[in-house]
Protein backbone atom coordinates (compact mmCIF):
# COMPACT_ATOMS: atom_id res chain seq x y z
CA MET A 1 30.66 10.10 -23.42
CA ASN A 2 33.63 12.26 -24.48
CA GLY A 3 32.42 12.31 -28.09
CA PRO A 4 31.28 15.67 -29.53
CA THR A 5 27.83 14.33 -30.47
CA PHE A 6 27.11 12.58 -27.17
CA TRP A 7 24.45 15.06 -26.03
CA ASN A 8 22.71 15.26 -29.40
CA ASP A 9 20.37 12.45 -28.34
CA ALA A 10 19.31 13.24 -24.77
CA GLU A 11 17.48 9.94 -24.19
CA LYS A 12 20.42 7.87 -25.40
CA ALA A 13 22.80 9.95 -23.30
CA LYS A 14 20.63 9.33 -20.23
CA THR A 15 20.78 5.58 -20.86
CA VAL A 16 24.58 5.61 -21.23
CA ILE A 17 25.02 7.65 -18.05
CA GLN A 18 22.85 5.17 -16.15
CA GLU A 19 24.93 2.31 -17.54
CA LEU A 20 28.13 4.04 -16.41
CA LYS A 21 26.66 4.55 -12.94
CA THR A 22 25.76 0.85 -12.74
CA LEU A 23 29.26 -0.22 -13.83
CA ASN A 24 30.99 2.16 -11.43
CA ALA A 25 28.90 0.79 -8.57
CA VAL A 26 30.80 -2.49 -9.11
CA LEU A 27 34.18 -1.38 -10.44
CA LYS A 28 34.97 1.31 -7.87
CA PRO A 29 34.35 -0.92 -4.81
CA PHE A 30 36.33 -3.68 -6.54
CA SER A 31 39.30 -1.34 -7.03
CA GLU A 32 39.02 -0.20 -3.42
CA LEU A 33 39.14 -3.84 -2.23
CA GLY A 34 42.35 -4.32 -4.21
CA ARG A 35 43.88 -1.23 -2.60
CA GLN A 36 42.87 -2.46 0.88
CA ALA A 37 44.48 -5.84 0.19
CA ASP A 38 47.73 -4.18 -0.89
CA ASP A 39 47.75 -1.95 2.21
CA LEU A 40 47.16 -4.95 4.46
CA GLU A 41 49.99 -6.86 2.84
CA ALA A 42 52.34 -3.90 3.30
CA SER A 43 51.31 -3.49 6.95
CA ILE A 44 51.90 -7.18 7.66
CA GLU A 45 55.36 -6.97 6.11
CA LEU A 46 56.20 -3.96 8.31
CA ALA A 47 54.95 -5.81 11.40
CA GLU A 48 57.10 -8.85 10.56
CA GLU A 49 60.16 -6.66 10.07
CA SER A 50 59.63 -4.80 13.35
CA GLY A 51 59.32 -8.05 15.28
CA ASP A 52 56.86 -6.62 17.85
CA ASN A 53 53.12 -6.04 18.14
CA GLU A 54 53.18 -2.32 17.41
CA PHE A 55 51.07 -2.72 14.27
CA ASP A 56 48.65 -5.38 15.54
CA ASP A 57 45.73 -3.08 16.36
CA ASP A 58 46.01 -1.20 13.06
CA ILE A 59 46.15 -4.46 11.09
CA ARG A 60 43.16 -5.87 12.96
CA ARG A 61 41.06 -2.76 12.26
CA ALA A 62 42.07 -2.69 8.61
CA TYR A 63 41.29 -6.38 8.26
CA GLU A 64 37.83 -6.00 9.81
CA LYS A 65 37.07 -3.02 7.56
CA ALA A 66 38.21 -4.90 4.45
CA LEU A 67 36.14 -7.94 5.41
CA GLN A 68 33.06 -5.77 5.91
CA ASP A 69 33.61 -4.06 2.55
CA PHE A 70 34.09 -7.44 0.87
CA ASP A 71 30.80 -8.73 2.29
CA SER A 72 29.03 -5.63 0.94
CA PHE A 73 30.67 -6.06 -2.44
CA GLU A 74 29.76 -9.74 -2.56
CA LEU A 75 26.12 -8.90 -1.80
CA ARG A 76 26.11 -6.24 -4.51
CA SER A 77 27.58 -8.68 -7.03
CA MET A 78 24.62 -11.03 -6.46
CA LEU A 79 22.33 -8.51 -8.14
CA ASN A 80 23.09 -9.83 -11.62
CA GLY A 81 19.57 -10.43 -12.94
CA PRO A 82 18.41 -8.59 -16.07
CA ASN A 83 15.90 -6.50 -14.08
CA ASP A 84 17.72 -6.17 -10.76
CA HIS A 85 18.62 -2.55 -11.48
CA CYS A 86 14.95 -1.55 -11.83
CA ASN A 87 12.61 0.35 -9.56
CA VAL A 88 9.71 -1.70 -8.20
CA PHE A 89 5.99 -1.87 -7.66
CA ILE A 90 5.04 -3.77 -4.49
CA THR A 91 1.42 -4.92 -4.27
CA ILE A 92 0.15 -6.20 -0.93
CA HIS A 93 -3.10 -8.20 -0.67
CA ALA A 94 -4.87 -9.07 2.56
CA GLY A 95 -5.56 -12.80 2.80
CA ALA A 96 -7.34 -15.10 5.22
CA GLY A 97 -8.23 -13.41 8.52
CA GLY A 98 -10.75 -10.65 7.81
CA THR A 99 -10.08 -7.38 9.64
CA GLU A 100 -6.95 -8.90 11.17
CA ALA A 101 -5.55 -9.63 7.71
CA CYS A 102 -6.33 -6.10 6.47
CA ASP A 103 -4.52 -4.64 9.47
CA TRP A 104 -1.59 -7.00 8.84
CA ALA A 105 -1.43 -5.93 5.19
CA GLU A 106 -1.10 -2.31 6.28
CA MET A 107 1.66 -3.26 8.73
CA LEU A 108 3.58 -4.80 5.81
CA LEU A 109 2.98 -1.68 3.74
CA ARG A 110 4.50 0.40 6.53
CA MET A 111 7.44 -2.03 6.87
CA TYR A 112 8.46 -1.73 3.23
CA MET A 113 8.02 2.04 3.19
CA MET A 114 10.21 2.40 6.28
CA TRP A 115 12.85 0.11 4.73
CA ALA A 116 12.85 2.20 1.56
CA GLU A 117 13.11 5.47 3.47
CA SER A 118 16.06 4.13 5.49
CA LYS A 119 17.87 3.53 2.18
CA GLY A 120 17.10 6.98 0.83
CA TYR A 121 14.70 5.60 -1.80
CA SER A 122 11.57 7.49 -2.82
CA THR A 123 8.14 5.94 -2.25
CA GLN A 124 4.64 6.63 -3.54
CA ILE A 125 1.38 4.78 -2.93
CA THR A 126 -0.10 4.37 -6.43
CA ASP A 127 -3.16 2.33 -5.47
CA ARG A 128 -4.99 1.69 -2.20
CA GLU A 129 -8.22 -0.07 -1.29
CA ASP A 130 -9.14 0.28 2.36
CA GLY A 131 -10.13 -2.78 4.33
CA GLY A 132 -13.29 -1.42 5.93
CA ALA A 133 -12.95 -1.60 9.72
CA ALA A 134 -9.15 -1.29 9.61
CA GLY A 135 -6.11 -1.60 7.39
CA ILE A 136 -6.09 -2.24 3.65
CA GLN A 137 -7.57 -4.86 1.39
CA GLU A 138 -4.94 -4.10 -1.25
CA ALA A 139 -2.30 -1.46 -1.92
CA THR A 140 0.52 -0.82 -4.38
CA ILE A 141 3.61 1.25 -3.63
CA HIS A 142 6.15 2.49 -6.15
CA ILE A 143 9.74 2.50 -4.85
CA LYS A 144 12.52 4.20 -6.80
CA GLY A 145 16.17 3.50 -6.10
CA GLU A 146 19.32 1.81 -7.35
CA ASN A 147 18.93 -1.99 -7.58
CA VAL A 148 15.77 -1.90 -5.48
CA TYR A 149 14.14 -4.76 -7.43
CA GLY A 150 17.25 -6.90 -6.97
CA TYR A 151 17.02 -6.43 -3.22
CA LEU A 152 13.25 -6.88 -2.85
CA LYS A 153 12.39 -9.60 -5.38
CA GLY A 154 12.72 -12.28 -2.69
CA GLU A 155 9.88 -10.68 -0.70
CA THR A 156 7.31 -12.10 -3.12
CA GLY A 157 5.07 -14.62 -1.37
CA VAL A 158 2.74 -15.07 1.59
CA HIS A 159 3.61 -13.48 4.96
CA ARG A 160 2.06 -14.84 8.19
CA LEU A 161 1.43 -12.96 11.44
CA VAL A 162 0.65 -14.48 14.86
CA ARG A 163 -0.37 -12.11 17.67
CA ILE A 164 -2.93 -11.27 20.33
CA SER A 165 -5.74 -9.66 18.37
CA PRO A 166 -6.34 -5.95 19.11
CA TYR A 167 -9.82 -6.46 17.61
CA ASP A 168 -10.86 -9.37 19.85
CA ALA A 169 -12.58 -8.43 23.13
CA ASN A 170 -11.36 -11.73 24.60
CA ALA A 171 -7.73 -11.01 23.63
CA ARG A 172 -7.31 -14.31 21.81
CA ARG A 173 -4.33 -15.18 19.67
CA GLN A 174 -5.00 -14.79 15.95
CA THR A 175 -3.17 -15.81 12.77
CA SER A 176 -3.36 -13.51 9.75
CA PHE A 177 -2.01 -13.70 6.20
CA ALA A 178 -1.10 -11.27 3.42
CA SER A 179 0.59 -11.79 0.06
CA VAL A 180 3.30 -9.60 -1.43
CA ASP A 181 4.00 -9.23 -5.17
CA VAL A 182 7.23 -7.46 -6.20
CA LEU A 183 7.35 -6.29 -9.82
CA PRO A 184 10.17 -4.49 -11.70
CA GLU A 185 9.33 -1.13 -13.22
CA ILE A 186 10.09 -1.29 -16.92
CA ASP A 187 12.64 1.27 -18.09
CA ASP A 188 13.93 2.29 -21.51
CA THR A 189 16.45 -0.57 -21.60
CA ILE A 190 13.65 -3.18 -21.62
CA ASP A 191 11.58 -3.44 -24.78
CA ILE A 192 8.00 -4.61 -24.36
CA VAL A 193 5.27 -4.01 -26.94
CA LEU A 194 1.57 -4.05 -26.05
CA ARG A 195 -0.82 -4.26 -28.99
CA ASP A 196 -4.04 -2.27 -28.75
CA ASP A 197 -6.16 -5.29 -29.72
CA GLU A 198 -4.74 -7.24 -26.76
CA LEU A 199 -5.71 -4.60 -24.19
CA LYS A 200 -9.01 -3.92 -22.48
CA ARG A 201 -9.31 -0.51 -20.80
CA ASP A 202 -11.88 0.31 -18.14
CA VAL A 203 -12.46 3.52 -16.22
CA PHE A 204 -14.29 3.76 -12.90
CA ARG A 205 -15.08 6.04 -10.00
CA CYS A 206 -12.52 5.64 -7.27
CA GLY A 207 -14.77 6.11 -4.23
CA GLY A 208 -13.39 5.86 -0.71
CA PRO A 209 -11.56 8.66 1.10
CA GLY A 210 -10.12 10.22 -2.04
CA GLY A 211 -12.31 13.32 -1.94
CA GLN A 212 -15.36 14.52 -3.81
CA HIS A 213 -13.48 14.82 -7.11
CA GLN A 214 -12.61 11.13 -7.15
CA ASN A 215 -16.06 10.12 -5.98
CA LYS A 216 -17.83 12.02 -8.79
CA THR A 217 -15.52 11.46 -11.76
CA GLU A 218 -14.30 8.34 -13.50
CA SER A 219 -10.61 8.93 -12.79
CA GLY A 220 -9.64 5.33 -11.98
CA VAL A 221 -8.15 3.25 -14.84
CA ARG A 222 -7.83 -0.51 -15.18
CA TYR A 223 -5.99 -2.32 -18.00
CA THR A 224 -6.43 -6.03 -18.73
CA HIS A 225 -4.04 -7.96 -20.98
CA ILE A 226 -6.47 -10.24 -22.79
CA PRO A 227 -4.07 -13.10 -23.77
CA THR A 228 -2.89 -13.63 -20.17
CA GLY A 229 -5.79 -12.19 -18.18
CA ILE A 230 -3.36 -10.09 -16.12
CA ALA A 231 -4.84 -6.80 -14.94
CA ALA A 232 -3.43 -3.61 -13.41
CA GLU A 233 -5.18 -0.52 -12.13
CA SER A 234 -4.49 2.88 -10.60
CA ARG A 235 -6.93 5.04 -8.65
CA THR A 236 -4.99 7.33 -6.32
CA GLU A 237 -4.39 10.24 -8.73
CA ARG A 238 -7.06 12.88 -9.32
CA SER A 239 -6.14 12.90 -13.01
CA GLN A 240 -7.38 10.06 -15.22
CA HIS A 241 -4.36 10.67 -17.46
CA LYS A 242 -1.92 10.04 -14.59
CA ASN A 243 -3.84 6.97 -13.47
CA ASN A 244 -3.75 5.73 -17.08
CA THR A 245 0.04 6.09 -17.18
CA ASN A 246 0.48 4.37 -13.81
CA ALA A 247 -1.83 1.47 -14.69
CA LEU A 248 -0.08 0.86 -18.02
CA ALA A 249 3.37 0.92 -16.37
CA LEU A 250 2.19 -1.55 -13.73
CA LEU A 251 0.74 -3.86 -16.38
CA LYS A 252 4.05 -3.91 -18.25
CA SER A 253 5.84 -4.72 -15.00
CA LYS A 254 3.50 -7.65 -14.35
CA LEU A 255 4.08 -9.04 -17.84
CA ILE A 256 7.86 -8.74 -17.49
CA ARG A 257 7.65 -10.46 -14.11
CA LEU A 258 5.60 -13.25 -15.69
CA GLU A 259 8.36 -13.92 -18.24
CA GLU A 260 11.03 -13.69 -15.55
CA GLU A 261 9.26 -16.25 -13.39
CA LYS A 262 9.03 -18.64 -16.33
CA ARG A 263 12.83 -18.48 -16.54
CA GLU A 264 13.12 -18.99 -12.80
CA ALA A 265 10.98 -22.10 -12.50
CA ASP A 266 13.17 -23.47 -9.71
CA PHE A 267 12.51 -20.45 -7.52
CA ALA A 268 9.02 -19.16 -8.40
CA LYS A 269 5.72 -20.30 -9.81
CA LYS A 270 3.68 -18.63 -12.48
CA TYR A 271 2.37 -15.13 -11.68
CA ASP A 272 -0.51 -15.14 -9.16
CA ASP A 273 -0.20 -18.94 -8.71
CA LYS A 274 1.10 -18.80 -5.14
CA GLY A 275 -1.64 -20.97 -3.76
CA GLU A 276 -4.15 -19.90 -1.15
CA ILE A 277 -3.08 -17.00 1.06
CA SER A 278 -3.45 -19.02 4.26
CA PHE A 279 -1.88 -21.78 6.40
CA GLY A 280 1.05 -23.71 4.98
CA SER A 281 1.85 -21.35 2.11
CA GLN A 282 3.89 -18.65 3.87
CA ILE A 283 7.49 -17.72 3.07
CA ARG A 284 7.95 -15.94 6.40
CA SER A 285 6.28 -15.99 9.81
CA TYR A 286 6.12 -13.04 12.22
CA VAL A 287 5.26 -14.29 15.71
CA LEU A 288 4.48 -11.69 18.39
CA GLN A 289 2.75 -14.09 20.82
CA PRO A 290 3.40 -16.38 22.69
CA TYR A 291 7.06 -15.63 21.88
CA GLN A 292 8.94 -13.08 19.76
CA LEU A 293 10.37 -14.39 16.49
CA VAL A 294 10.45 -13.66 12.77
CA LYS A 295 11.64 -16.61 10.68
CA ASP A 296 12.03 -17.12 6.94
CA ALA A 297 10.83 -20.57 5.85
CA ARG A 298 13.18 -20.67 2.83
CA THR A 299 16.49 -19.64 4.39
CA ALA A 300 15.85 -20.35 8.12
CA PHE A 301 17.16 -16.84 8.86
CA GLU A 302 15.47 -15.45 11.94
CA SER A 303 15.24 -12.42 14.21
CA THR A 304 14.10 -12.32 17.83
CA ASN A 305 13.14 -8.64 17.54
CA PRO A 306 9.91 -8.45 15.48
CA ARG A 307 9.46 -4.77 16.30
CA ASN A 308 12.70 -3.85 14.54
CA VAL A 309 11.73 -6.01 11.56
CA LEU A 310 8.30 -4.37 11.30
CA ASP A 311 10.06 -0.99 11.50
CA GLY A 312 11.83 -1.84 8.25
CA GLN A 313 14.99 -3.62 9.40
CA ILE A 314 14.77 -6.49 6.91
CA ASP A 315 18.29 -6.43 5.45
CA GLY A 316 19.20 -9.73 7.12
CA PHE A 317 16.31 -11.50 5.41
CA ILE A 318 17.15 -9.91 2.06
CA GLU A 319 20.82 -10.87 2.27
CA SER A 320 20.12 -14.45 3.39
CA TYR A 321 17.75 -14.94 0.45
CA LEU A 322 20.29 -13.61 -2.06
CA ARG A 323 23.03 -15.82 -0.62
CA MET A 324 20.73 -18.85 -0.75
CA ARG A 325 20.11 -18.25 -4.44
CA LEU A 326 23.84 -17.86 -5.06
CA SER A 327 24.69 -21.08 -3.23
CA LYS A 328 22.07 -23.01 -5.20
CA GLY A 329 23.24 -21.69 -8.56
CA ASP A 330 20.58 -19.05 -9.16
CA GLY A 331 19.52 -18.86 -12.77
CA ASP A 332 19.47 -15.07 -13.09
CA GLY A 333 22.75 -14.85 -14.97
CA ALA A 334 21.85 -17.77 -17.19
CA ALA A 335 18.46 -16.27 -17.86
CA ARG A 336 20.02 -13.01 -18.97
CA SER A 337 22.38 -14.73 -21.40
């Protein structure tokens, strides 16, 4: 970066700066942990020399702070996959349960948006299909932030809700399902080539509550990758050009995720092969009635405060999933090499 020609190539310079930022996110906390360890050692030596408990409170506070920082550093070091640094597209599909499932899908959409906002990440809904009476049939949100894919990749799967139905006149308990797909946004460091003869492009009228412009013009764009059958679409922008860009970016993300899942056969199945979005296939259950509990079926991590979880407080579930992968010898690092 100190070279005289560094800024001659702006795109290359941007890539190098991002790489430096990623490295510093690990190296600086690591150096700080070393400094904290040295300070603790010096404080303990002073306490031993003094022969009293004058330094006990200071040592205890410093120890607790160092332990907390170490836990944060350890969690950050788990994000070692080749795409963990990427932004993400999260697509939520309503499953079995009709109107209940559509409402549940929108609750999940809100949960992830609130989580992202609490982290200072930016969010944008790039695609949305309303569910009719309530909620959404399907929606995609674009979240931008450091290592956001690394944190959210474990959210892929089927999510189950149990509650007293607000749509049932008899107030019966209902079970609803929705699936979540988390895809990395492809950046300049990841090379993926799409041949024109392998792509099918369709345009369509968006319809729905998007306004008269969307209803009358073919602004929606859908791309299908013919060899794999994977499709991606965008309909929320008024401009067909913007929808075209969004749909193509989402398609690339799906193809990258497909290759990643092939390398992670022990942890994920092939793209869109999650089984039926219904009983017995969920990764996490959110129970509001007859008791209050959110429990992850993979890690057994649980929370007795579903309201906080649905308000975006999902860090405990994210961390427990990352630690489970680490303890089982996650293949991310091996896949990258």
